[in-house]
Amino acid sequence: MIARHWSGTATGEGADWYETHFVSEVLPGLRMMPGFRGGYLLRNDNTEATEIRVLTLWDSVEAIEGFAGPDATAAIVAPEARAALLSFDPVTTHYDVVVADSVVPS
């Protein structure tokens, strides 16, 4: 499994908007992609600009290419999301998942 990491910054209001966008637009689209295994949106408001981190899980680099295109490291950021962010990484980082464990929140 491959973990794909991307990050950006936003105002608190922009981060709120991005969370709504992630839940209503990004995740439903990703769920339709072959090889998508799940996603997380992380947020840190304890900084000057709110940090946003997205971690998605994929079966393979080929599955990521099905989403991102031939340059699997290219960040895919919709124009409306770009407008809500102060900054964002234009590329992603991929990691091999070597240990995975999950607990379903109660």
C-alpha atoms as a PDB file:
ATOM      1  CA  MET A   1       0.000   0.000   0.000  1.00  0.00           C
ATOM      2  CA  ILE A   2       1.164   3.546  -0.765  1.00  0.00           C
ATOM      3  CA  ALA A   3       0.428   6.619   1.383  1.00  0.00           C
ATOM      4  CA  ARG A   4       0.213   9.890  -0.566  1.00  0.00           C
ATOM      5  CA  HIS A   5       0.851  13.055   1.480  1.00  0.00           C
ATOM      6  CA  TRP A   6       0.013  16.642   0.544  1.00  0.00           C
ATOM      7  CA  SER A   7      -0.144  19.840   2.590  1.00  0.00           C
ATOM      8  CA  GLY A   8      -1.244  23.432   2.467  1.00  0.00           C
ATOM      9  CA  THR A   9      -2.115  26.391   4.672  1.00  0.00           C
ATOM     10  CA  ALA A  10      -5.257  28.472   5.024  1.00  0.00           C
ATOM     11  CA  THR A  11      -6.997  30.944   7.254  1.00  0.00           C
ATOM     12  CA  GLY A  12      -9.359  29.337   9.765  1.00  0.00           C
ATOM     13  CA  GLU A  13     -12.274  30.159   7.461  1.00  0.00           C
ATOM     14  CA  GLY A  14     -10.427  28.771   4.444  1.00  0.00           C
ATOM     15  CA  ALA A  15      -9.659  25.563   6.365  1.00  0.00           C
ATOM     16  CA  ASP A  16     -13.352  25.230   7.254  1.00  0.00           C
ATOM     17  CA  TRP A  17     -14.219  25.605   3.566  1.00  0.00           C
ATOM     18  CA  TYR A  18     -11.574  23.072   2.549  1.00  0.00           C
ATOM     19  CA  GLU A  19     -12.931  20.534   5.056  1.00  0.00           C
ATOM     20  CA  THR A  20     -16.397  20.835   3.527  1.00  0.00           C
ATOM     21  CA  HIS A  21     -14.892  20.544   0.039  1.00  0.00           C
ATOM     22  CA  PHE A  22     -12.861  17.478   1.036  1.00  0.00           C
ATOM     23  CA  VAL A  23     -15.914  15.689   2.460  1.00  0.00           C
ATOM     24  CA  SER A  24     -18.398  16.664  -0.258  1.00  0.00           C
ATOM     25  CA  GLU A  25     -16.221  16.678  -3.400  1.00  0.00           C
ATOM     26  CA  VAL A  26     -12.791  15.114  -2.942  1.00  0.00           C
ATOM     27  CA  LEU A  27     -13.635  11.934  -1.039  1.00  0.00           C
ATOM     28  CA  PRO A  28     -16.651  10.956  -3.180  1.00  0.00           C
ATOM     29  CA  GLY A  29     -14.493  11.312  -6.312  1.00  0.00           C
ATOM     30  CA  LEU A  30     -11.623   9.337  -4.810  1.00  0.00           C
ATOM     31  CA  ARG A  31     -13.950   6.534  -3.719  1.00  0.00           C
ATOM     32  CA  MET A  32     -14.744   5.945  -7.387  1.00  0.00           C
ATOM     33  CA  MET A  33     -11.059   5.489  -8.284  1.00  0.00           C
ATOM     34  CA  PRO A  34      -9.742   1.923  -8.597  1.00  0.00           C
ATOM     35  CA  GLY A  35      -7.127   1.247  -5.935  1.00  0.00           C
ATOM     36  CA  PHE A  36      -8.207   4.003  -3.500  1.00  0.00           C
ATOM     37  CA  ARG A  37      -8.100   2.646   0.054  1.00  0.00           C
ATOM     38  CA  GLY A  38      -9.025   5.649   2.219  1.00  0.00           C
ATOM     39  CA  GLY A  39      -8.190   9.199   3.138  1.00  0.00           C
ATOM     40  CA  TYR A  40      -7.566  11.482   6.077  1.00  0.00           C
ATOM     41  CA  LEU A  41      -7.762  15.252   6.441  1.00  0.00           C
ATOM     42  CA  LEU A  42      -5.571  16.600   9.248  1.00  0.00           C
ATOM     43  CA  ARG A  43      -5.733  20.140  10.595  1.00  0.00           C
ATOM     44  CA  ASN A  44      -3.525  22.144  12.957  1.00  0.00           C
ATOM     45  CA  ASP A  45      -4.945  25.460  14.171  1.00  0.00           C
ATOM     46  CA  ASN A  46      -2.083  26.026  16.628  1.00  0.00           C
ATOM     47  CA  THR A  47       0.012  27.927  14.114  1.00  0.00           C
ATOM     48  CA  GLU A  48      -0.146  31.387  12.548  1.00  0.00           C
ATOM     49  CA  ALA A  49      -1.800  29.949   9.435  1.00  0.00           C
ATOM     50  CA  THR A  50      -3.914  26.807   9.774  1.00  0.00           C
ATOM     51  CA  GLU A  51      -2.005  23.790   8.474  1.00  0.00           C
ATOM     52  CA  ILE A  52      -3.897  21.284   6.349  1.00  0.00           C
ATOM     53  CA  ARG A  53      -2.506  17.846   5.593  1.00  0.00           C
ATOM     54  CA  VAL A  54      -4.120  15.234   3.396  1.00  0.00           C
ATOM     55  CA  LEU A  55      -3.116  11.594   3.541  1.00  0.00           C
ATOM     56  CA  THR A  56      -4.634   9.157   1.063  1.00  0.00           C
ATOM     57  CA  LEU A  57      -3.987   5.439   0.799  1.00  0.00           C
ATOM     58  CA  TRP A  58      -3.645   3.562  -2.477  1.00  0.00           C
ATOM     59  CA  ASP A  59      -3.004   0.013  -3.635  1.00  0.00           C
ATOM     60  CA  SER A  60      -0.112   1.033  -5.908  1.00  0.00           C
ATOM     61  CA  VAL A  61       1.647   3.844  -7.744  1.00  0.00           C
ATOM     62  CA  GLU A  62      -0.293   2.747 -10.848  1.00  0.00           C
ATOM     63  CA  ALA A  63      -3.545   3.398  -8.964  1.00  0.00           C
ATOM     64  CA  ILE A  64      -2.272   6.875  -8.051  1.00  0.00           C
ATOM     65  CA  GLU A  65      -1.412   7.509 -11.709  1.00  0.00           C
ATOM     66  CA  GLY A  66      -5.030   6.657 -12.545  1.00  0.00           C
ATOM     67  CA  PHE A  67      -5.994   9.612 -10.371  1.00  0.00           C
ATOM     68  CA  ALA A  68      -3.095  12.051 -10.828  1.00  0.00           C
ATOM     69  CA  GLY A  69      -1.883  11.186 -14.331  1.00  0.00           C
ATOM     70  CA  PRO A  70       1.576  10.084 -15.469  1.00  0.00           C
ATOM     71  CA  ASP A  71       3.330  12.327 -12.914  1.00  0.00           C
ATOM     72  CA  ALA A  72       2.037  10.587  -9.794  1.00  0.00           C
ATOM     73  CA  THR A  73       3.651  13.216  -7.547  1.00  0.00           C
ATOM     74  CA  ALA A  74       1.694  16.134  -9.049  1.00  0.00           C
ATOM     75  CA  ALA A  75      -0.728  17.685  -6.575  1.00  0.00           C
ATOM     76  CA  ILE A  76      -4.313  17.781  -7.807  1.00  0.00           C
ATOM     77  CA  VAL A  77      -5.906  20.926  -6.365  1.00  0.00           C
ATOM     78  CA  ALA A  78      -9.178  22.190  -7.819  1.00  0.00           C
ATOM     79  CA  PRO A  79      -9.284  25.903  -8.731  1.00  0.00           C
ATOM     80  CA  GLU A  80     -11.890  26.636  -6.056  1.00  0.00           C
ATOM     81  CA  ALA A  81      -9.690  24.920  -3.451  1.00  0.00           C
ATOM     82  CA  ARG A  82      -6.688  26.944  -4.589  1.00  0.00           C
ATOM     83  CA  ALA A  83      -8.714  30.102  -3.929  1.00  0.00           C
ATOM     84  CA  ALA A  84      -9.417  29.001  -0.337  1.00  0.00           C
ATOM     85  CA  LEU A  85      -5.769  28.235   0.480  1.00  0.00           C
ATOM     86  CA  LEU A  86      -2.977  30.629   1.405  1.00  0.00           C
ATOM     87  CA  SER A  87      -0.363  28.207   0.063  1.00  0.00           C
ATOM     88  CA  PHE A  88      -0.037  24.569  -0.941  1.00  0.00           C
ATOM     89  CA  ASP A  89       2.574  22.082  -2.028  1.00  0.00           C
ATOM     90  CA  PRO A  90       2.566  21.610  -5.820  1.00  0.00           C
ATOM     91  CA  VAL A  91       3.838  18.058  -5.367  1.00  0.00           C
ATOM     92  CA  THR A  92       3.001  15.155  -3.092  1.00  0.00           C
ATOM     93  CA  THR A  93       5.214  12.718  -1.261  1.00  0.00           C
ATOM     94  CA  HIS A  94       4.635   8.965  -1.411  1.00  0.00           C
ATOM     95  CA  TYR A  95       5.505   6.481   1.307  1.00  0.00           C
ATOM     96  CA  ASP A  96       5.384   2.691   1.376  1.00  0.00           C
ATOM     97  CA  VAL A  97       3.102   1.630   4.203  1.00  0.00           C
ATOM     98  CA  VAL A  98       5.131  -0.951   6.108  1.00  0.00           C
ATOM     99  CA  VAL A  99       2.898  -1.277   9.190  1.00  0.00           C
ATOM    100  CA  ALA A 100      -0.796  -0.492   9.407  1.00  0.00           C
ATOM    101  CA  ASP A 101      -3.187  -0.764  12.308  1.00  0.00           C
ATOM    102  CA  SER A 102      -6.510   0.939  12.804  1.00  0.00           C
ATOM    103  CA  VAL A 103      -9.070   1.294  15.518  1.00  0.00           C
ATOM    104  CA  VAL A 104     -12.601   2.318  14.683  1.00  0.00           C
ATOM    105  CA  PRO A 105     -13.447   5.429  16.745  1.00  0.00           C
ATOM    106  CA  SER A 106     -16.353   4.985  19.145  1.00  0.00           C
END
